[in-house]
Amino acid sequence: MSNFCEATAGAMLGAGLCAWLFGAPGSLHIGASGVVFGYAGYLVARGYYTRNIGSILVALLVISSFAFSMLFGVLPLYPGLSWQTHLGGLLGGVLAARLGSSRQSRA
């Protein structure tokens, strides 16, 4: 349960902070898409950082399923879409995976 909490907190903080700092006026900053991008970033980064076969398989599944939407969701291609929230959530999820893996390696 701790991993879920770390991923959720990282995604929420990253998405909210980037929307607040870099969000364009008139963009839609509503919904949970930033958290979804954070979960995806967490799962992919966890596979990279832990190098556990189960985590790597989950990371490959996430990449094969969502790579296209993740790539185009974090780029400023669509006016009015809050790509800042998506990018912040992704970065927050990656950071949560990194911090969690370093804490597990010390234990």
PDB file of N, CA and C in Angstrom:
ATOM      1  N   MET A   1       0.821  -1.197   0.000  1.00  0.00           N
ATOM      2  CA  MET A   1       0.000   0.000   0.000  1.00  0.00           C
ATOM      3  C   MET A   1       0.857   1.251   0.000  1.00  0.00           C
ATOM      4  N   SER A   2       2.049   1.134   0.524  1.00  0.00           N
ATOM      5  CA  SER A   2       2.943   2.284   0.577  1.00  0.00           C
ATOM      6  C   SER A   2       3.316   2.777  -0.816  1.00  0.00           C
ATOM      7  N   ASN A   3       3.524   1.852  -1.757  1.00  0.00           N
ATOM      8  CA  ASN A   3       3.869   2.248  -3.121  1.00  0.00           C
ATOM      9  C   ASN A   3       2.748   3.040  -3.772  1.00  0.00           C
ATOM     10  N   PHE A   4       1.515   2.607  -3.536  1.00  0.00           N
ATOM     11  CA  PHE A   4       0.369   3.319  -4.084  1.00  0.00           C
ATOM     12  C   PHE A   4       0.304   4.740  -3.538  1.00  0.00           C
ATOM     13  N   CYS A   5       0.527   4.888  -2.252  1.00  0.00           N
ATOM     14  CA  CYS A   5       0.489   6.217  -1.622  1.00  0.00           C
ATOM     15  C   CYS A   5       1.610   7.108  -2.153  1.00  0.00           C
ATOM     16  N   GLU A   6       2.797   6.538  -2.299  1.00  0.00           N
ATOM     17  CA  GLU A   6       3.921   7.313  -2.847  1.00  0.00           C
ATOM     18  C   GLU A   6       3.635   7.760  -4.275  1.00  0.00           C
ATOM     19  N   ALA A   7       3.131   6.846  -5.098  1.00  0.00           N
ATOM     20  CA  ALA A   7       2.836   7.183  -6.491  1.00  0.00           C
ATOM     21  C   ALA A   7       1.743   8.241  -6.578  1.00  0.00           C
ATOM     22  N   THR A   8       0.714   8.098  -5.764  1.00  0.00           N
ATOM     23  CA  THR A   8      -0.383   9.061  -5.780  1.00  0.00           C
ATOM     24  C   THR A   8       0.079  10.436  -5.312  1.00  0.00           C
ATOM     25  N   ALA A   9       0.837  10.476  -4.235  1.00  0.00           N
ATOM     26  CA  ALA A   9       1.324  11.766  -3.724  1.00  0.00           C
ATOM     27  C   ALA A   9       2.261  12.433  -4.725  1.00  0.00           C
ATOM     28  N   GLY A  10       3.170  11.671  -5.309  1.00  0.00           N
ATOM     29  CA  GLY A  10       4.083  12.237  -6.299  1.00  0.00           C
ATOM     30  C   GLY A  10       3.351  12.770  -7.515  1.00  0.00           C
ATOM     31  N   ALA A  11       2.377  12.008  -8.000  1.00  0.00           N
ATOM     32  CA  ALA A  11       1.617  12.435  -9.173  1.00  0.00           C
ATOM     33  C   ALA A  11       0.782  13.673  -8.880  1.00  0.00           C
ATOM     34  N   MET A  12       0.122  13.692  -7.718  1.00  0.00           N
ATOM     35  CA  MET A  12      -0.713  14.845  -7.370  1.00  0.00           C
ATOM     36  C   MET A  12       0.121  16.106  -7.188  1.00  0.00           C
ATOM     37  N   LEU A  13       1.228  15.970  -6.477  1.00  0.00           N
ATOM     38  CA  LEU A  13       2.073  17.145  -6.244  1.00  0.00           C
ATOM     39  C   LEU A  13       2.711  17.638  -7.539  1.00  0.00           C
ATOM     40  N   GLY A  14       3.208  16.715  -8.348  1.00  0.00           N
ATOM     41  CA  GLY A  14       3.821  17.117  -9.610  1.00  0.00           C
ATOM     42  C   GLY A  14       2.828  17.777 -10.545  1.00  0.00           C
ATOM     43  N   ALA A  15       1.656  17.167 -10.697  1.00  0.00           N
ATOM     44  CA  ALA A  15       0.637  17.719 -11.594  1.00  0.00           C
ATOM     45  C   ALA A  15       0.148  19.077 -11.099  1.00  0.00           C
ATOM     46  N   GLY A  16      -0.141  19.165  -9.820  1.00  0.00           N
ATOM     47  CA  GLY A  16      -0.632  20.428  -9.280  1.00  0.00           C
ATOM     48  C   GLY A  16       0.391  21.540  -9.329  1.00  0.00           C
ATOM     49  N   LEU A  17       1.627  21.209  -9.013  1.00  0.00           N
ATOM     50  CA  LEU A  17       2.678  22.221  -9.015  1.00  0.00           C
ATOM     51  C   LEU A  17       2.956  22.748 -10.423  1.00  0.00           C
ATOM     52  N   CYS A  18       3.026  21.844 -11.388  1.00  0.00           N
ATOM     53  CA  CYS A  18       3.277  22.291 -12.759  1.00  0.00           C
ATOM     54  C   CYS A  18       2.099  23.068 -13.329  1.00  0.00           C
ATOM     55  N   ALA A  19       0.879  22.667 -13.010  1.00  0.00           N
ATOM     56  CA  ALA A  19      -0.289  23.423 -13.470  1.00  0.00           C
ATOM     57  C   ALA A  19      -0.296  24.811 -12.848  1.00  0.00           C
ATOM     58  N   TRP A  20       0.066  24.901 -11.593  1.00  0.00           N
ATOM     59  CA  TRP A  20       0.065  26.185 -10.899  1.00  0.00           C
ATOM     60  C   TRP A  20       1.182  27.090 -11.404  1.00  0.00           C
ATOM     61  N   LEU A  21       2.374  26.532 -11.604  1.00  0.00           N
ATOM     62  CA  LEU A  21       3.517  27.347 -12.013  1.00  0.00           C
ATOM     63  C   LEU A  21       3.524  27.689 -13.500  1.00  0.00           C
ATOM     64  N   PHE A  22       3.160  26.713 -14.342  1.00  0.00           N
ATOM     65  CA  PHE A  22       3.343  26.892 -15.778  1.00  0.00           C
ATOM     66  C   PHE A  22       2.052  26.874 -16.578  1.00  0.00           C
ATOM     67  N   GLY A  23       0.924  26.710 -15.922  1.00  0.00           N
ATOM     68  CA  GLY A  23      -0.352  26.600 -16.629  1.00  0.00           C
ATOM     69  C   GLY A  23      -0.715  27.875 -17.371  1.00  0.00           C
ATOM     70  N   ALA A  24      -1.131  27.708 -18.604  1.00  0.00           N
ATOM     71  CA  ALA A  24      -1.521  28.847 -19.441  1.00  0.00           C
ATOM     72  C   ALA A  24      -2.942  29.270 -19.101  1.00  0.00           C
ATOM     73  N   PRO A  25      -3.200  30.565 -19.115  1.00  0.00           N
ATOM     74  CA  PRO A  25      -4.571  31.022 -18.884  1.00  0.00           C
ATOM     75  C   PRO A  25      -5.479  30.500 -20.004  1.00  0.00           C
ATOM     76  N   GLY A  26      -6.650  30.068 -19.656  1.00  0.00           N
ATOM     77  CA  GLY A  26      -7.586  29.553 -20.637  1.00  0.00           C
ATOM     78  C   GLY A  26      -7.451  28.060 -20.881  1.00  0.00           C
ATOM     79  N   SER A  27      -6.437  27.430 -20.305  1.00  0.00           N
ATOM     80  CA  SER A  27      -6.289  25.980 -20.441  1.00  0.00           C
ATOM     81  C   SER A  27      -7.186  25.281 -19.431  1.00  0.00           C
ATOM     82  N   LEU A  28      -7.579  24.067 -19.764  1.00  0.00           N
ATOM     83  CA  LEU A  28      -8.396  23.275 -18.849  1.00  0.00           C
ATOM     84  C   LEU A  28      -7.488  22.490 -17.919  1.00  0.00           C
ATOM     85  N   HIS A  29      -7.529  22.830 -16.652  1.00  0.00           N
ATOM     86  CA  HIS A  29      -6.736  22.150 -15.634  1.00  0.00           C
ATOM     87  C   HIS A  29      -7.685  21.406 -14.713  1.00  0.00           C
ATOM     88  N   ILE A  30      -8.461  20.528 -15.261  1.00  0.00           N
ATOM     89  CA  ILE A  30      -9.466  19.831 -14.472  1.00  0.00           C
ATOM     90  C   ILE A  30      -9.405  18.344 -14.800  1.00  0.00           C
ATOM     91  N   GLY A  31      -9.695  17.530 -13.824  1.00  0.00           N
ATOM     92  CA  GLY A  31      -9.694  16.089 -14.042  1.00  0.00           C
ATOM     93  C   GLY A  31      -8.501  15.423 -13.393  1.00  0.00           C
ATOM     94  N   ALA A  32      -8.408  14.132 -13.604  1.00  0.00           N
ATOM     95  CA  ALA A  32      -7.372  13.332 -12.964  1.00  0.00           C
ATOM     96  C   ALA A  32      -6.329  12.836 -13.955  1.00  0.00           C
ATOM     97  N   SER A  33      -6.252  13.450 -15.121  1.00  0.00           N
ATOM     98  CA  SER A  33      -5.307  12.961 -16.127  1.00  0.00           C
ATOM     99  C   SER A  33      -3.860  13.117 -15.675  1.00  0.00           C
ATOM    100  N   GLY A  34      -3.558  14.137 -14.911  1.00  0.00           N
ATOM    101  CA  GLY A  34      -2.202  14.296 -14.391  1.00  0.00           C
ATOM    102  C   GLY A  34      -1.810  13.153 -13.469  1.00  0.00           C
ATOM    103  N   VAL A  35      -2.758  12.688 -12.671  1.00  0.00           N
ATOM    104  CA  VAL A  35      -2.495  11.563 -11.774  1.00  0.00           C
ATOM    105  C   VAL A  35      -2.329  10.274 -12.581  1.00  0.00           C
ATOM    106  N   VAL A  36      -3.104  10.119 -13.645  1.00  0.00           N
ATOM    107  CA  VAL A  36      -2.973   8.937 -14.501  1.00  0.00           C
ATOM    108  C   VAL A  36      -1.587   8.915 -15.152  1.00  0.00           C
ATOM    109  N   PHE A  37      -1.126  10.044 -15.630  1.00  0.00           N
ATOM    110  CA  PHE A  37       0.223  10.129 -16.188  1.00  0.00           C
ATOM    111  C   PHE A  37       1.261   9.844 -15.109  1.00  0.00           C
ATOM    112  N   GLY A  38       0.996  10.268 -13.879  1.00  0.00           N
ATOM    113  CA  GLY A  38       1.902   9.986 -12.779  1.00  0.00           C
ATOM    114  C   GLY A  38       1.995   8.501 -12.473  1.00  0.00           C
ATOM    115  N   TYR A  39       0.857   7.813 -12.489  1.00  0.00           N
ATOM    116  CA  TYR A  39       0.878   6.367 -12.284  1.00  0.00           C
ATOM    117  C   TYR A  39       1.671   5.666 -13.372  1.00  0.00           C
ATOM    118  N   ALA A  40       1.457   6.072 -14.621  1.00  0.00           N
ATOM    119  CA  ALA A  40       2.187   5.456 -15.728  1.00  0.00           C
ATOM    120  C   ALA A  40       3.687   5.714 -15.594  1.00  0.00           C
ATOM    121  N   GLY A  41       4.057   6.941 -15.262  1.00  0.00           N
ATOM    122  CA  GLY A  41       5.470   7.258 -15.064  1.00  0.00           C
ATOM    123  C   GLY A  41       6.075   6.481 -13.913  1.00  0.00           C
ATOM    124  N   TYR A  42       5.296   6.305 -12.856  1.00  0.00           N
ATOM    125  CA  TYR A  42       5.774   5.544 -11.696  1.00  0.00           C
ATOM    126  C   TYR A  42       6.038   4.094 -12.081  1.00  0.00           C
ATOM    127  N   LEU A  43       5.110   3.480 -12.783  1.00  0.00           N
ATOM    128  CA  LEU A  43       5.259   2.069 -13.133  1.00  0.00           C
ATOM    129  C   LEU A  43       6.438   1.834 -14.078  1.00  0.00           C
ATOM    130  N   VAL A  44       6.616   2.731 -15.039  1.00  0.00           N
ATOM    131  CA  VAL A  44       7.747   2.588 -15.959  1.00  0.00           C
ATOM    132  C   VAL A  44       9.067   2.826 -15.228  1.00  0.00           C
ATOM    133  N   ALA A  45       9.128   3.869 -14.435  1.00  0.00           N
ATOM    134  CA  ALA A  45      10.365   4.175 -13.712  1.00  0.00           C
ATOM    135  C   ALA A  45      10.677   3.121 -12.660  1.00  0.00           C
ATOM    136  N   ARG A  46       9.661   2.551 -12.046  1.00  0.00           N
ATOM    137  CA  ARG A  46       9.893   1.498 -11.058  1.00  0.00           C
ATOM    138  C   ARG A  46      10.561   0.288 -11.710  1.00  0.00           C
ATOM    139  N   GLY A  47      10.137  -0.050 -12.908  1.00  0.00           N
ATOM    140  CA  GLY A  47      10.788  -1.139 -13.627  1.00  0.00           C
ATOM    141  C   GLY A  47      12.234  -0.830 -13.926  1.00  0.00           C
ATOM    142  N   TYR A  48      12.513   0.415 -14.250  1.00  0.00           N
ATOM    143  CA  TYR A  48      13.886   0.821 -14.548  1.00  0.00           C
ATOM    144  C   TYR A  48      14.760   0.827 -13.294  1.00  0.00           C
ATOM    145  N   TYR A  49      14.252   1.381 -12.221  1.00  0.00           N
ATOM    146  CA  TYR A  49      15.067   1.546 -11.019  1.00  0.00           C
ATOM    147  C   TYR A  49      15.231   0.262 -10.208  1.00  0.00           C
ATOM    148  N   THR A  50      14.195  -0.561 -10.120  1.00  0.00           N
ATOM    149  CA  THR A  50      14.303  -1.759  -9.284  1.00  0.00           C
ATOM    150  C   THR A  50      14.938  -2.933 -10.018  1.00  0.00           C
ATOM    151  N   ARG A  51      14.782  -2.982 -11.320  1.00  0.00           N
ATOM    152  CA  ARG A  51      15.319  -4.070 -12.158  1.00  0.00           C
ATOM    153  C   ARG A  51      14.809  -5.436 -11.712  1.00  0.00           C
ATOM    154  N   ASN A  52      13.614  -5.436 -11.192  1.00  0.00           N
ATOM    155  CA  ASN A  52      12.916  -6.659 -10.810  1.00  0.00           C
ATOM    156  C   ASN A  52      12.140  -7.138 -12.035  1.00  0.00           C
ATOM    157  N   ILE A  53      12.145  -8.430 -12.320  1.00  0.00           N
ATOM    158  CA  ILE A  53      11.525  -8.949 -13.536  1.00  0.00           C
ATOM    159  C   ILE A  53      10.030  -8.623 -13.591  1.00  0.00           C
ATOM    160  N   GLY A  54       9.343  -8.704 -12.471  1.00  0.00           N
ATOM    161  CA  GLY A  54       7.925  -8.359 -12.438  1.00  0.00           C
ATOM    162  C   GLY A  54       7.684  -6.891 -12.757  1.00  0.00           C
ATOM    163  N   SER A  55       8.497  -6.024 -12.180  1.00  0.00           N
ATOM    164  CA  SER A  55       8.363  -4.583 -12.436  1.00  0.00           C
ATOM    165  C   SER A  55       8.717  -4.244 -13.871  1.00  0.00           C
ATOM    166  N   ILE A  56       9.696  -4.934 -14.426  1.00  0.00           N
ATOM    167  CA  ILE A  56      10.079  -4.693 -15.825  1.00  0.00           C
ATOM    168  C   ILE A  56       8.957  -5.121 -16.759  1.00  0.00           C
ATOM    169  N   LEU A  57       8.315  -6.248 -16.477  1.00  0.00           N
ATOM    170  CA  LEU A  57       7.204  -6.696 -17.320  1.00  0.00           C
ATOM    171  C   LEU A  57       6.028  -5.720 -17.255  1.00  0.00           C
ATOM    172  N   VAL A  58       5.740  -5.213 -16.069  1.00  0.00           N
ATOM    173  CA  VAL A  58       4.669  -4.211 -15.933  1.00  0.00           C
ATOM    174  C   VAL A  58       5.040  -2.943 -16.700  1.00  0.00           C
ATOM    175  N   ALA A  59       6.300  -2.518 -16.600  1.00  0.00           N
ATOM    176  CA  ALA A  59       6.751  -1.329 -17.324  1.00  0.00           C
ATOM    177  C   ALA A  59       6.606  -1.522 -18.829  1.00  0.00           C
ATOM    178  N   LEU A  60       6.968  -2.681 -19.325  1.00  0.00           N
ATOM    179  CA  LEU A  60       6.827  -2.954 -20.760  1.00  0.00           C
ATOM    180  C   LEU A  60       5.364  -2.966 -21.184  1.00  0.00           C
ATOM    181  N   LEU A  61       4.496  -3.493 -20.349  1.00  0.00           N
ATOM    182  CA  LEU A  61       3.068  -3.483 -20.644  1.00  0.00           C
ATOM    183  C   LEU A  61       2.529  -2.055 -20.703  1.00  0.00           C
ATOM    184  N   VAL A  62       2.939  -1.218 -19.750  1.00  0.00           N
ATOM    185  CA  VAL A  62       2.488   0.180 -19.734  1.00  0.00           C
ATOM    186  C   VAL A  62       3.004   0.913 -20.964  1.00  0.00           C
ATOM    187  N   ILE A  63       4.269   0.701 -21.309  1.00  0.00           N
ATOM    188  CA  ILE A  63       4.838   1.370 -22.477  1.00  0.00           C
ATOM    189  C   ILE A  63       4.133   0.928 -23.747  1.00  0.00           C
ATOM    190  N   SER A  64       3.902  -0.367 -23.885  1.00  0.00           N
ATOM    191  CA  SER A  64       3.260  -0.845 -25.109  1.00  0.00           C
ATOM    192  C   SER A  64       1.804  -0.400 -25.206  1.00  0.00           C
ATOM    193  N   SER A  65       1.159  -0.186 -24.093  1.00  0.00           N
ATOM    194  CA  SER A  65      -0.252   0.212 -24.111  1.00  0.00           C
ATOM    195  C   SER A  65      -0.458   1.717 -24.233  1.00  0.00           C
ATOM    196  N   PHE A  66       0.404   2.490 -23.586  1.00  0.00           N
ATOM    197  CA  PHE A  66       0.139   3.924 -23.470  1.00  0.00           C
ATOM    198  C   PHE A  66       1.231   4.827 -24.019  1.00  0.00           C
ATOM    199  N   ALA A  67       2.215   4.300 -24.719  1.00  0.00           N
ATOM    200  CA  ALA A  67       3.342   5.128 -25.164  1.00  0.00           C
ATOM    201  C   ALA A  67       2.894   6.262 -26.073  1.00  0.00           C
ATOM    202  N   PHE A  68       2.010   5.979 -27.006  1.00  0.00           N
ATOM    203  CA  PHE A  68       1.563   7.005 -27.948  1.00  0.00           C
ATOM    204  C   PHE A  68       0.842   8.140 -27.233  1.00  0.00           C
ATOM    205  N   SER A  69      -0.118   7.802 -26.376  1.00  0.00           N
ATOM    206  CA  SER A  69      -0.872   8.858 -25.691  1.00  0.00           C
ATOM    207  C   SER A  69      -0.009   9.595 -24.678  1.00  0.00           C
ATOM    208  N   MET A  70       0.940   8.889 -24.050  1.00  0.00           N
ATOM    209  CA  MET A  70       1.825   9.558 -23.095  1.00  0.00           C
ATOM    210  C   MET A  70       2.725  10.560 -23.805  1.00  0.00           C
ATOM    211  N   LEU A  71       3.250  10.177 -24.945  1.00  0.00           N
ATOM    212  CA  LEU A  71       4.145  11.072 -25.684  1.00  0.00           C
ATOM    213  C   LEU A  71       3.411  12.320 -26.130  1.00  0.00           C
ATOM    214  N   PHE A  72       2.245  12.154 -26.724  1.00  0.00           N
ATOM    215  CA  PHE A  72       1.527  13.314 -27.229  1.00  0.00           C
ATOM    216  C   PHE A  72       0.753  14.057 -26.149  1.00  0.00           C
ATOM    217  N   GLY A  73       0.584  13.461 -24.989  1.00  0.00           N
ATOM    218  CA  GLY A  73      -0.088  14.140 -23.889  1.00  0.00           C
ATOM    219  C   GLY A  73       0.802  15.115 -23.148  1.00  0.00           C
ATOM    220  N   VAL A  74       2.124  14.920 -23.208  1.00  0.00           N
ATOM    221  CA  VAL A  74       3.039  15.810 -22.494  1.00  0.00           C
ATOM    222  C   VAL A  74       3.641  16.872 -23.410  1.00  0.00           C
ATOM    223  N   LEU A  75       3.250  16.865 -24.667  1.00  0.00           N
ATOM    224  CA  LEU A  75       3.739  17.888 -25.599  1.00  0.00           C
ATOM    225  C   LEU A  75       2.652  18.930 -25.828  1.00  0.00           C
ATOM    226  N   PRO A  76       3.030  20.185 -26.003  1.00  0.00           N
ATOM    227  CA  PRO A  76       2.022  21.252 -26.191  1.00  0.00           C
ATOM    228  C   PRO A  76       1.480  21.267 -27.623  1.00  0.00           C
ATOM    229  N   LEU A  77       0.735  20.240 -27.996  1.00  0.00           N
ATOM    230  CA  LEU A  77       0.224  20.127 -29.362  1.00  0.00           C
ATOM    231  C   LEU A  77      -1.209  20.622 -29.514  1.00  0.00           C
ATOM    232  N   TYR A  78      -2.010  20.506 -28.473  1.00  0.00           N
ATOM    233  CA  TYR A  78      -3.419  20.846 -28.555  1.00  0.00           C
ATOM    234  C   TYR A  78      -3.707  22.082 -27.717  1.00  0.00           C
ATOM    235  N   PRO A  79      -4.149  23.171 -28.338  1.00  0.00           N
ATOM    236  CA  PRO A  79      -4.442  24.382 -27.565  1.00  0.00           C
ATOM    237  C   PRO A  79      -5.600  24.146 -26.589  1.00  0.00           C
ATOM    238  N   GLY A  80      -5.440  24.671 -25.393  1.00  0.00           N
ATOM    239  CA  GLY A  80      -6.458  24.534 -24.371  1.00  0.00           C
ATOM    240  C   GLY A  80      -6.335  23.281 -23.526  1.00  0.00           C
ATOM    241  N   LEU A  81      -5.448  22.362 -23.916  1.00  0.00           N
ATOM    242  CA  LEU A  81      -5.236  21.137 -23.147  1.00  0.00           C
ATOM    243  C   LEU A  81      -4.069  21.353 -22.190  1.00  0.00           C
ATOM    244  N   SER A  82      -4.241  20.980 -20.949  1.00  0.00           N
ATOM    245  CA  SER A  82      -3.224  21.232 -19.935  1.00  0.00           C
ATOM    246  C   SER A  82      -2.110  20.188 -20.003  1.00  0.00           C
ATOM    247  N   TRP A  83      -1.228  20.362 -20.951  1.00  0.00           N
ATOM    248  CA  TRP A  83      -0.077  19.450 -21.052  1.00  0.00           C
ATOM    249  C   TRP A  83       0.851  19.632 -19.860  1.00  0.00           C
ATOM    250  N   GLN A  84       0.804  20.794 -19.221  1.00  0.00           N
ATOM    251  CA  GLN A  84       1.640  21.033 -18.051  1.00  0.00           C
ATOM    252  C   GLN A  84       1.274  20.079 -16.916  1.00  0.00           C
ATOM    253  N   THR A  85      -0.014  19.834 -16.753  1.00  0.00           N
ATOM    254  CA  THR A  85      -0.470  18.907 -15.725  1.00  0.00           C
ATOM    255  C   THR A  85      -0.008  17.492 -16.033  1.00  0.00           C
ATOM    256  N   HIS A  86      -0.095  17.098 -17.297  1.00  0.00           N
ATOM    257  CA  HIS A  86       0.347  15.761 -17.704  1.00  0.00           C
ATOM    258  C   HIS A  86       1.844  15.588 -17.467  1.00  0.00           C
ATOM    259  N   LEU A  87       2.616  16.564 -17.878  1.00  0.00           N
ATOM    260  CA  LEU A  87       4.068  16.490 -17.705  1.00  0.00           C
ATOM    261  C   LEU A  87       4.434  16.488 -16.219  1.00  0.00           C
ATOM    262  N   GLY A  88       3.793  17.328 -15.438  1.00  0.00           N
ATOM    263  CA  GLY A  88       4.065  17.369 -14.004  1.00  0.00           C
ATOM    264  C   GLY A  88       3.719  16.067 -13.305  1.00  0.00           C
ATOM    265  N   GLY A  89       2.585  15.473 -13.669  1.00  0.00           N
ATOM    266  CA  GLY A  89       2.220  14.186 -13.094  1.00  0.00           C
ATOM    267  C   GLY A  89       3.213  13.101 -13.465  1.00  0.00           C
ATOM    268  N   LEU A  90       3.644  13.088 -14.710  1.00  0.00           N
ATOM    269  CA  LEU A  90       4.634  12.110 -15.158  1.00  0.00           C
ATOM    270  C   LEU A  90       5.937  12.260 -14.391  1.00  0.00           C
ATOM    271  N   LEU A  91       6.415  13.484 -14.271  1.00  0.00           N
ATOM    272  CA  LEU A  91       7.661  13.731 -13.534  1.00  0.00           C
ATOM    273  C   LEU A  91       7.510  13.401 -12.052  1.00  0.00           C
ATOM    274  N   GLY A  92       6.355  13.706 -11.481  1.00  0.00           N
ATOM    275  CA  GLY A  92       6.107  13.367 -10.079  1.00  0.00           C
ATOM    276  C   GLY A  92       6.090  11.870  -9.849  1.00  0.00           C
ATOM    277  N   GLY A  93       5.524  11.113 -10.767  1.00  0.00           N
ATOM    278  CA  GLY A  93       5.524   9.664 -10.655  1.00  0.00           C
ATOM    279  C   GLY A  93       6.917   9.072 -10.780  1.00  0.00           C
ATOM    280  N   VAL A  94       7.703   9.605 -11.706  1.00  0.00           N
ATOM    281  CA  VAL A  94       9.088   9.137 -11.869  1.00  0.00           C
ATOM    282  C   VAL A  94       9.901   9.450 -10.619  1.00  0.00           C
ATOM    283  N   LEU A  95       9.733  10.640 -10.079  1.00  0.00           N
ATOM    284  CA  LEU A  95      10.457  11.016  -8.866  1.00  0.00           C
ATOM    285  C   LEU A  95      10.054  10.141  -7.681  1.00  0.00           C
ATOM    286  N   ALA A  96       8.769   9.823  -7.565  1.00  0.00           N
ATOM    287  CA  ALA A  96       8.309   8.952  -6.481  1.00  0.00           C
ATOM    288  C   ALA A  96       8.916   7.562  -6.616  1.00  0.00           C
ATOM    289  N   ALA A  97       9.025   7.052  -7.837  1.00  0.00           N
ATOM    290  CA  ALA A  97       9.647   5.737  -8.043  1.00  0.00           C
ATOM    291  C   ALA A  97      11.121   5.776  -7.687  1.00  0.00           C
ATOM    292  N   ARG A  98      11.784   6.858  -8.036  1.00  0.00           N
ATOM    293  CA  ARG A  98      13.212   6.986  -7.728  1.00  0.00           C
ATOM    294  C   ARG A  98      13.445   7.050  -6.224  1.00  0.00           C
ATOM    295  N   LEU A  99      12.666   7.858  -5.542  1.00  0.00           N
ATOM    296  CA  LEU A  99      12.818   7.974  -4.096  1.00  0.00           C
ATOM    297  C   LEU A  99      12.457   6.673  -3.391  1.00  0.00           C
ATOM    298  N   GLY A 100      11.435   5.994  -3.866  1.00  0.00           N
ATOM    299  CA  GLY A 100      11.038   4.726  -3.266  1.00  0.00           C
ATOM    300  C   GLY A 100      12.074   3.637  -3.480  1.00  0.00           C
ATOM    301  N   SER A 101      12.702   3.612  -4.656  1.00  0.00           N
ATOM    302  CA  SER A 101      13.699   2.568  -4.921  1.00  0.00           C
ATOM    303  C   SER A 101      14.980   2.806  -4.130  1.00  0.00           C
ATOM    304  N   SER A 102      15.350   4.059  -3.929  1.00  0.00           N
ATOM    305  CA  SER A 102      16.558   4.330  -3.136  1.00  0.00           C
ATOM    306  C   SER A 102      16.324   4.012  -1.663  1.00  0.00           C
ATOM    307  N   ARG A 103      15.111   4.224  -1.179  1.00  0.00           N
ATOM    308  CA  ARG A 103      14.793   3.902   0.215  1.00  0.00           C
ATOM    309  C   ARG A 103      14.755   2.389   0.412  1.00  0.00           C
ATOM    310  N   GLN A 104      14.262   1.633  -0.575  1.00  0.00           N
ATOM    311  CA  GLN A 104      14.218   0.179  -0.466  1.00  0.00           C
ATOM    312  C   GLN A 104      15.604  -0.434  -0.532  1.00  0.00           C
ATOM    313  N   SER A 105      16.504   0.178  -1.291  1.00  0.00           N
ATOM    314  CA  SER A 105      17.846  -0.379  -1.406  1.00  0.00           C
ATOM    315  C   SER A 105      18.652  -0.171  -0.113  1.00  0.00           C
ATOM    316  N   ARG A 106      18.323   0.853   0.658  1.00  0.00           N
ATOM    317  CA  ARG A 106      19.018   1.095   1.935  1.00  0.00           C
ATOM    318  C   ARG A 106      18.508   0.182   3.031  1.00  0.00           C
ATOM    319  N   ALA A 107      17.279  -0.300   2.891  1.00  0.00           N
ATOM    320  CA  ALA A 107      16.683  -1.128   3.952  1.00  0.00           C
ATOM    321  C   ALA A 107      17.197  -2.543   3.940  1.00  0.00           C
TER     322      ALA A 107
END
